[in-house]
Amino acid sequence: MLSFIYHQAMAFEGEHGFRPNLLCLNPEHYAQLRRELAGVPQLDSLVRLLGMDVVVDDDVTHPRLTWSAVDWLSAVAV
């Protein structure tokens, strides 16, 4: 999973000229990423390691990298 994310990030940056700041995953992909990065104890540590926010959504079929102006760490669900 980590290798896939890295390659997707490089492709995104090559296409757009800037790095993605948002990783969208479904719960299954997120669990796989957590297994691969078991040494990273908390989500905020994972966010810092990846350099992007992580959104977990049941509707995401494939991991997707994008850019968002929203600061997801400060966003509040209503």
PDB file of N, CA and C in Angstrom:
ATOM      1  N   MET A   1       0.821  -1.193   0.000  1.00  0.00           N
ATOM      2  CA  MET A   1       0.000   0.000   0.000  1.00  0.00           C
ATOM      3  C   MET A   1       0.866   1.258   0.000  1.00  0.00           C
ATOM      4  N   LEU A   2       1.906   1.263   0.822  1.00  0.00           N
ATOM      5  CA  LEU A   2       2.766   2.440   0.904  1.00  0.00           C
ATOM      6  C   LEU A   2       3.455   2.719  -0.425  1.00  0.00           C
ATOM      7  N   SER A   3       3.902   1.674  -1.096  1.00  0.00           N
ATOM      8  CA  SER A   3       4.541   1.827  -2.403  1.00  0.00           C
ATOM      9  C   SER A   3       3.550   2.398  -3.415  1.00  0.00           C
ATOM     10  N   PHE A   4       2.315   1.910  -3.388  1.00  0.00           N
ATOM     11  CA  PHE A   4       1.275   2.399  -4.287  1.00  0.00           C
ATOM     12  C   PHE A   4       1.037   3.895  -4.049  1.00  0.00           C
ATOM     13  N   ILE A   5       0.933   4.280  -2.787  1.00  0.00           N
ATOM     14  CA  ILE A   5       0.701   5.687  -2.448  1.00  0.00           C
ATOM     15  C   ILE A   5       1.868   6.547  -2.928  1.00  0.00           C
ATOM     16  N   TYR A   6       3.077   6.072  -2.726  1.00  0.00           N
ATOM     17  CA  TYR A   6       4.262   6.820  -3.172  1.00  0.00           C
ATOM     18  C   TYR A   6       4.222   7.035  -4.683  1.00  0.00           C
ATOM     19  N   HIS A   7       3.949   5.985  -5.435  1.00  0.00           N
ATOM     20  CA  HIS A   7       3.905   6.114  -6.900  1.00  0.00           C
ATOM     21  C   HIS A   7       2.770   7.023  -7.358  1.00  0.00           C
ATOM     22  N   GLN A   8       1.639   6.928  -6.697  1.00  0.00           N
ATOM     23  CA  GLN A   8       0.523   7.811  -7.034  1.00  0.00           C
ATOM     24  C   GLN A   8       0.877   9.272  -6.734  1.00  0.00           C
ATOM     25  N   ALA A   9       1.563   9.501  -5.613  1.00  0.00           N
ATOM     26  CA  ALA A   9       1.951  10.868  -5.244  1.00  0.00           C
ATOM     27  C   ALA A   9       2.930  11.450  -6.262  1.00  0.00           C
ATOM     28  N   MET A  10       3.881  10.625  -6.703  1.00  0.00           N
ATOM     29  CA  MET A  10       4.842  11.093  -7.703  1.00  0.00           C
ATOM     30  C   MET A  10       4.139  11.410  -9.026  1.00  0.00           C
ATOM     31  N   ALA A  11       3.199  10.561  -9.428  1.00  0.00           N
ATOM     32  CA  ALA A  11       2.441  10.799 -10.664  1.00  0.00           C
ATOM     33  C   ALA A  11       1.598  12.071 -10.542  1.00  0.00           C
ATOM     34  N   PHE A  12       0.967  12.263  -9.396  1.00  0.00           N
ATOM     35  CA  PHE A  12       0.152  13.455  -9.162  1.00  0.00           C
ATOM     36  C   PHE A  12       1.010  14.707  -9.277  1.00  0.00           C
ATOM     37  N   GLU A  13       2.180  14.685  -8.611  1.00  0.00           N
ATOM     38  CA  GLU A  13       3.063  15.852  -8.651  1.00  0.00           C
ATOM     39  C   GLU A  13       3.573  16.112 -10.064  1.00  0.00           C
ATOM     40  N   GLY A  14       3.897  15.052 -10.797  1.00  0.00           N
ATOM     41  CA  GLY A  14       4.350  15.222 -12.174  1.00  0.00           C
ATOM     42  C   GLY A  14       3.281  15.828 -13.066  1.00  0.00           C
ATOM     43  N   GLU A  15       2.044  15.439 -12.835  1.00  0.00           N
ATOM     44  CA  GLU A  15       0.935  15.934 -13.653  1.00  0.00           C
ATOM     45  C   GLU A  15       0.509  17.352 -13.287  1.00  0.00           C
ATOM     46  N   HIS A  16       0.489  17.658 -11.980  1.00  0.00           N
ATOM     47  CA  HIS A  16      -0.065  18.932 -11.528  1.00  0.00           C
ATOM     48  C   HIS A  16       0.991  19.971 -11.139  1.00  0.00           C
ATOM     49  N   GLY A  17       2.218  19.532 -10.903  1.00  0.00           N
ATOM     50  CA  GLY A  17       3.264  20.471 -10.528  1.00  0.00           C
ATOM     51  C   GLY A  17       3.315  20.775  -9.042  1.00  0.00           C
ATOM     52  N   PHE A  18       2.513  20.112  -8.249  1.00  0.00           N
ATOM     53  CA  PHE A  18       2.538  20.265  -6.794  1.00  0.00           C
ATOM     54  C   PHE A  18       2.111  18.949  -6.159  1.00  0.00           C
ATOM     55  N   ARG A  19       2.464  18.781  -4.904  1.00  0.00           N
ATOM     56  CA  ARG A  19       2.188  17.524  -4.217  1.00  0.00           C
ATOM     57  C   ARG A  19       0.743  17.443  -3.734  1.00  0.00           C
ATOM     58  N   PRO A  20       0.198  16.240  -3.676  1.00  0.00           N
ATOM     59  CA  PRO A  20      -1.139  16.090  -3.095  1.00  0.00           C
ATOM     60  C   PRO A  20      -1.062  16.281  -1.579  1.00  0.00           C
ATOM     61  N   ASN A  21      -2.167  16.711  -0.994  1.00  0.00           N
ATOM     62  CA  ASN A  21      -2.180  16.869   0.457  1.00  0.00           C
ATOM     63  C   ASN A  21      -3.316  16.089   1.122  1.00  0.00           C
ATOM     64  N   LEU A  22      -3.966  15.226   0.332  1.00  0.00           N
ATOM     65  CA  LEU A  22      -5.106  14.475   0.854  1.00  0.00           C
ATOM     66  C   LEU A  22      -5.101  13.061   0.283  1.00  0.00           C
ATOM     67  N   LEU A  23      -5.160  12.084   1.170  1.00  0.00           N
ATOM     68  CA  LEU A  23      -5.224  10.678   0.796  1.00  0.00           C
ATOM     69  C   LEU A  23      -6.589  10.155   1.209  1.00  0.00           C
ATOM     70  N   CYS A  24      -7.354   9.671   0.230  1.00  0.00           N
ATOM     71  CA  CYS A  24      -8.684   9.123   0.486  1.00  0.00           C
ATOM     72  C   CYS A  24      -8.624   7.603   0.371  1.00  0.00           C
ATOM     73  N   LEU A  25      -9.061   6.916   1.419  1.00  0.00           N
ATOM     74  CA  LEU A  25      -9.010   5.461   1.491  1.00  0.00           C
ATOM     75  C   LEU A  25     -10.328   4.917   2.021  1.00  0.00           C
ATOM     76  N   ASN A  26     -10.612   3.659   1.696  1.00  0.00           N
ATOM     77  CA  ASN A  26     -11.729   3.004   2.363  1.00  0.00           C
ATOM     78  C   ASN A  26     -11.179   2.329   3.619  1.00  0.00           C
ATOM     79  N   PRO A  27     -12.026   1.864   4.512  1.00  0.00           N
ATOM     80  CA  PRO A  27     -11.546   1.275   5.770  1.00  0.00           C
ATOM     81  C   PRO A  27     -10.590   0.085   5.568  1.00  0.00           C
ATOM     82  N   GLU A  28     -10.822  -0.706   4.545  1.00  0.00           N
ATOM     83  CA  GLU A  28      -9.960  -1.855   4.273  1.00  0.00           C
ATOM     84  C   GLU A  28      -8.540  -1.408   3.883  1.00  0.00           C
ATOM     85  N   HIS A  29      -8.454  -0.425   2.998  1.00  0.00           N
ATOM     86  CA  HIS A  29      -7.149   0.092   2.591  1.00  0.00           C
ATOM     87  C   HIS A  29      -6.445   0.772   3.768  1.00  0.00           C
ATOM     88  N   TYR A  30      -7.212   1.474   4.569  1.00  0.00           N
ATOM     89  CA  TYR A  30      -6.634   2.133   5.738  1.00  0.00           C
ATOM     90  C   TYR A  30      -6.049   1.094   6.699  1.00  0.00           C
ATOM     91  N   ALA A  31      -6.775   0.007   6.913  1.00  0.00           N
ATOM     92  CA  ALA A  31      -6.285  -1.064   7.785  1.00  0.00           C
ATOM     93  C   ALA A  31      -4.987  -1.659   7.237  1.00  0.00           C
ATOM     94  N   GLN A  32      -4.910  -1.837   5.920  1.00  0.00           N
ATOM     95  CA  GLN A  32      -3.683  -2.354   5.303  1.00  0.00           C
ATOM     96  C   GLN A  32      -2.520  -1.389   5.513  1.00  0.00           C
ATOM     97  N   LEU A  33      -2.771  -0.111   5.329  1.00  0.00           N
ATOM     98  CA  LEU A  33      -1.734   0.894   5.539  1.00  0.00           C
ATOM     99  C   LEU A  33      -1.274   0.888   6.994  1.00  0.00           C
ATOM    100  N   ARG A  34      -2.210   0.776   7.928  1.00  0.00           N
ATOM    101  CA  ARG A  34      -1.859   0.734   9.346  1.00  0.00           C
ATOM    102  C   ARG A  34      -1.011  -0.499   9.671  1.00  0.00           C
ATOM    103  N   ARG A  35      -1.314  -1.632   9.028  1.00  0.00           N
ATOM    104  CA  ARG A  35      -0.508  -2.836   9.238  1.00  0.00           C
ATOM    105  C   ARG A  35       0.921  -2.622   8.726  1.00  0.00           C
ATOM    106  N   GLU A  36       1.048  -1.993   7.560  1.00  0.00           N
ATOM    107  CA  GLU A  36       2.372  -1.746   6.985  1.00  0.00           C
ATOM    108  C   GLU A  36       3.172  -0.749   7.814  1.00  0.00           C
ATOM    109  N   LEU A  37       2.475   0.152   8.471  1.00  0.00           N
ATOM    110  CA  LEU A  37       3.129   1.186   9.276  1.00  0.00           C
ATOM    111  C   LEU A  37       2.793   0.993  10.751  1.00  0.00           C
ATOM    112  N   ALA A  38       2.893  -0.229  11.208  1.00  0.00           N
ATOM    113  CA  ALA A  38       2.520  -0.563  12.584  1.00  0.00           C
ATOM    114  C   ALA A  38       3.348   0.202  13.614  1.00  0.00           C
ATOM    115  N   GLY A  39       4.532   0.631  13.249  1.00  0.00           N
ATOM    116  CA  GLY A  39       5.383   1.378  14.169  1.00  0.00           C
ATOM    117  C   GLY A  39       4.949   2.823  14.364  1.00  0.00           C
ATOM    118  N   VAL A  40       4.000   3.289  13.559  1.00  0.00           N
ATOM    119  CA  VAL A  40       3.486   4.655  13.677  1.00  0.00           C
ATOM    120  C   VAL A  40       2.216   4.572  14.527  1.00  0.00           C
ATOM    121  N   PRO A  41       2.278   5.042  15.783  1.00  0.00           N
ATOM    122  CA  PRO A  41       1.223   4.740  16.740  1.00  0.00           C
ATOM    123  C   PRO A  41      -0.111   5.464  16.546  1.00  0.00           C
ATOM    124  N   GLN A  42      -0.118   6.671  16.015  1.00  0.00           N
ATOM    125  CA  GLN A  42      -1.349   7.454  15.986  1.00  0.00           C
ATOM    126  C   GLN A  42      -1.581   8.051  14.611  1.00  0.00           C
ATOM    127  N   LEU A  43      -2.834   8.395  14.348  1.00  0.00           N
ATOM    128  CA  LEU A  43      -3.196   8.969  13.055  1.00  0.00           C
ATOM    129  C   LEU A  43      -2.439  10.260  12.792  1.00  0.00           C
ATOM    130  N   ASP A  44      -2.285  11.125  13.789  1.00  0.00           N
ATOM    131  CA  ASP A  44      -1.570  12.384  13.536  1.00  0.00           C
ATOM    132  C   ASP A  44      -0.109  12.134  13.181  1.00  0.00           C
ATOM    133  N   SER A  45       0.489  11.083  13.736  1.00  0.00           N
ATOM    134  CA  SER A  45       1.859  10.720  13.359  1.00  0.00           C
ATOM    135  C   SER A  45       1.897  10.202  11.926  1.00  0.00           C
ATOM    136  N   LEU A  46       0.875   9.455  11.538  1.00  0.00           N
ATOM    137  CA  LEU A  46       0.773   8.951  10.171  1.00  0.00           C
ATOM    138  C   LEU A  46       0.617  10.103   9.185  1.00  0.00           C
ATOM    139  N   VAL A  47      -0.189  11.072   9.545  1.00  0.00           N
ATOM    140  CA  VAL A  47      -0.398  12.253   8.695  1.00  0.00           C
ATOM    141  C   VAL A  47       0.925  12.984   8.490  1.00  0.00           C
ATOM    142  N   ARG A  48       1.693  13.168   9.551  1.00  0.00           N
ATOM    143  CA  ARG A  48       2.992  13.844   9.430  1.00  0.00           C
ATOM    144  C   ARG A  48       3.949  13.024   8.579  1.00  0.00           C
ATOM    145  N   LEU A  49       3.969  11.703   8.761  1.00  0.00           N
ATOM    146  CA  LEU A  49       4.853  10.840   7.986  1.00  0.00           C
ATOM    147  C   LEU A  49       4.519  10.904   6.495  1.00  0.00           C
ATOM    148  N   LEU A  50       3.240  10.827   6.159  1.00  0.00           N
ATOM    149  CA  LEU A  50       2.819  10.849   4.759  1.00  0.00           C
ATOM    150  C   LEU A  50       2.869  12.249   4.156  1.00  0.00           C
ATOM    151  N   GLY A  51       2.768  13.263   4.986  1.00  0.00           N
ATOM    152  CA  GLY A  51       2.749  14.636   4.486  1.00  0.00           C
ATOM    153  C   GLY A  51       1.422  15.018   3.877  1.00  0.00           C
ATOM    154  N   MET A  52       0.372  14.312   4.295  1.00  0.00           N
ATOM    155  CA  MET A  52      -0.967  14.619   3.788  1.00  0.00           C
ATOM    156  C   MET A  52      -2.009  14.135   4.780  1.00  0.00           C
ATOM    157  N   ASP A  53      -3.168  14.764   4.747  1.00  0.00           N
ATOM    158  CA  ASP A  53      -4.275  14.334   5.586  1.00  0.00           C
ATOM    159  C   ASP A  53      -4.837  13.035   5.045  1.00  0.00           C
ATOM    160  N   VAL A  54      -5.487  12.273   5.901  1.00  0.00           N
ATOM    161  CA  VAL A  54      -6.074  10.988   5.526  1.00  0.00           C
ATOM    162  C   VAL A  54      -7.577  11.055   5.773  1.00  0.00           C
ATOM    163  N   VAL A  55      -8.351  10.712   4.748  1.00  0.00           N
ATOM    164  CA  VAL A  55      -9.799  10.638   4.865  1.00  0.00           C
ATOM    165  C   VAL A  55     -10.202   9.198   4.609  1.00  0.00           C
ATOM    166  N   VAL A  56     -10.946   8.613   5.538  1.00  0.00           N
ATOM    167  CA  VAL A  56     -11.429   7.246   5.380  1.00  0.00           C
ATOM    168  C   VAL A  56     -12.917   7.323   5.059  1.00  0.00           C
ATOM    169  N   ASP A  57     -13.284   6.726   3.909  1.00  0.00           N
ATOM    170  CA  ASP A  57     -14.659   6.808   3.412  1.00  0.00           C
ATOM    171  C   ASP A  57     -15.045   5.472   2.797  1.00  0.00           C
ATOM    172  N   ASP A  58     -16.173   4.929   3.198  1.00  0.00           N
ATOM    173  CA  ASP A  58     -16.653   3.646   2.670  1.00  0.00           C
ATOM    174  C   ASP A  58     -16.863   3.667   1.161  1.00  0.00           C
ATOM    175  N   ASP A  59     -17.114   4.824   0.585  1.00  0.00           N
ATOM    176  CA  ASP A  59     -17.427   4.925  -0.839  1.00  0.00           C
ATOM    177  C   ASP A  59     -16.204   4.952  -1.756  1.00  0.00           C
ATOM    178  N   VAL A  60     -15.007   5.025  -1.187  1.00  0.00           N
ATOM    179  CA  VAL A  60     -13.781   5.068  -1.985  1.00  0.00           C
ATOM    180  C   VAL A  60     -13.422   3.636  -2.390  1.00  0.00           C
ATOM    181  N   THR A  61     -13.410   3.365  -3.702  1.00  0.00           N
ATOM    182  CA  THR A  61     -13.101   2.006  -4.159  1.00  0.00           C
ATOM    183  C   THR A  61     -11.606   1.771  -4.304  1.00  0.00           C
ATOM    184  N   HIS A  62     -10.854   2.799  -4.665  1.00  0.00           N
ATOM    185  CA  HIS A  62      -9.400   2.706  -4.817  1.00  0.00           C
ATOM    186  C   HIS A  62      -8.779   3.890  -4.076  1.00  0.00           C
ATOM    187  N   PRO A  63      -7.611   3.695  -3.467  1.00  0.00           N
ATOM    188  CA  PRO A  63      -6.951   4.840  -2.825  1.00  0.00           C
ATOM    189  C   PRO A  63      -6.778   5.980  -3.833  1.00  0.00           C
ATOM    190  N   ARG A  64      -7.052   7.176  -3.377  1.00  0.00           N
ATOM    191  CA  ARG A  64      -7.016   8.333  -4.271  1.00  0.00           C
ATOM    192  C   ARG A  64      -6.256   9.461  -3.589  1.00  0.00           C
ATOM    193  N   LEU A  65      -5.380  10.092  -4.342  1.00  0.00           N
ATOM    194  CA  LEU A  65      -4.638  11.244  -3.849  1.00  0.00           C
ATOM    195  C   LEU A  65      -5.167  12.483  -4.556  1.00  0.00           C
ATOM    196  N   THR A  66      -5.289  13.554  -3.816  1.00  0.00           N
ATOM    197  CA  THR A  66      -5.807  14.786  -4.388  1.00  0.00           C
ATOM    198  C   THR A  66      -5.254  15.963  -3.597  1.00  0.00           C
ATOM    199  N   TRP A  67      -5.673  17.141  -3.958  1.00  0.00           N
ATOM    200  CA  TRP A  67      -5.282  18.347  -3.239  1.00  0.00           C
ATOM    201  C   TRP A  67      -6.553  19.035  -2.776  1.00  0.00           C
ATOM    202  N   SER A  68      -6.540  19.538  -1.569  1.00  0.00           N
ATOM    203  CA  SER A  68      -7.702  20.217  -1.011  1.00  0.00           C
ATOM    204  C   SER A  68      -7.247  21.442  -0.241  1.00  0.00           C
ATOM    205  N   ALA A  69      -8.007  22.515  -0.364  1.00  0.00           N
ATOM    206  CA  ALA A  69      -7.732  23.733   0.397  1.00  0.00           C
ATOM    207  C   ALA A  69      -8.228  23.605   1.836  1.00  0.00           C
ATOM    208  N   VAL A  70      -9.041  22.587   2.108  1.00  0.00           N
ATOM    209  CA  VAL A  70      -9.603  22.388   3.443  1.00  0.00           C
ATOM    210  C   VAL A  70      -8.535  21.819   4.362  1.00  0.00           C
ATOM    211  N   ASP A  71      -8.386  22.393   5.534  1.00  0.00           N
ATOM    212  CA  ASP A  71      -7.505  21.845   6.563  1.00  0.00           C
ATOM    213  C   ASP A  71      -8.314  20.801   7.311  1.00  0.00           C
ATOM    214  N   TRP A  72      -8.187  19.538   6.911  1.00  0.00           N
ATOM    215  CA  TRP A  72      -9.022  18.461   7.446  1.00  0.00           C
ATOM    216  C   TRP A  72      -8.770  18.222   8.928  1.00  0.00           C
ATOM    217  N   LEU A  73      -7.591  18.535   9.427  1.00  0.00           N
ATOM    218  CA  LEU A  73      -7.338  18.342  10.851  1.00  0.00           C
ATOM    219  C   LEU A  73      -8.140  19.322  11.693  1.00  0.00           C
ATOM    220  N   SER A  74      -8.491  20.472  11.104  1.00  0.00           N
ATOM    221  CA  SER A  74      -9.266  21.479  11.828  1.00  0.00           C
ATOM    222  C   SER A  74     -10.750  21.428  11.490  1.00  0.00           C
ATOM    223  N   ALA A  75     -11.122  20.639  10.489  1.00  0.00           N
ATOM    224  CA  ALA A  75     -12.515  20.560  10.073  1.00  0.00           C
ATOM    225  C   ALA A  75     -13.344  19.842  11.140  1.00  0.00           C
ATOM    226  N   VAL A  76     -14.580  20.250  11.260  1.00  0.00           N
ATOM    227  CA  VAL A  76     -15.485  19.648  12.241  1.00  0.00           C
ATOM    228  C   VAL A  76     -16.678  19.074  11.485  1.00  0.00           C
ATOM    229  N   ALA A  77     -16.982  17.822  11.739  1.00  0.00           N
ATOM    230  CA  ALA A  77     -18.142  17.199  11.110  1.00  0.00           C
ATOM    231  C   ALA A  77     -19.401  17.694  11.790  1.00  0.00           C
ATOM    232  N   VAL A  78     -20.426  17.966  10.986  1.00  0.00           N
ATOM    233  CA  VAL A  78     -21.722  18.394  11.525  1.00  0.00           C
ATOM    234  C   VAL A  78     -22.815  17.462  11.105  1.00  0.00           C
TER     235      VAL A  78
END
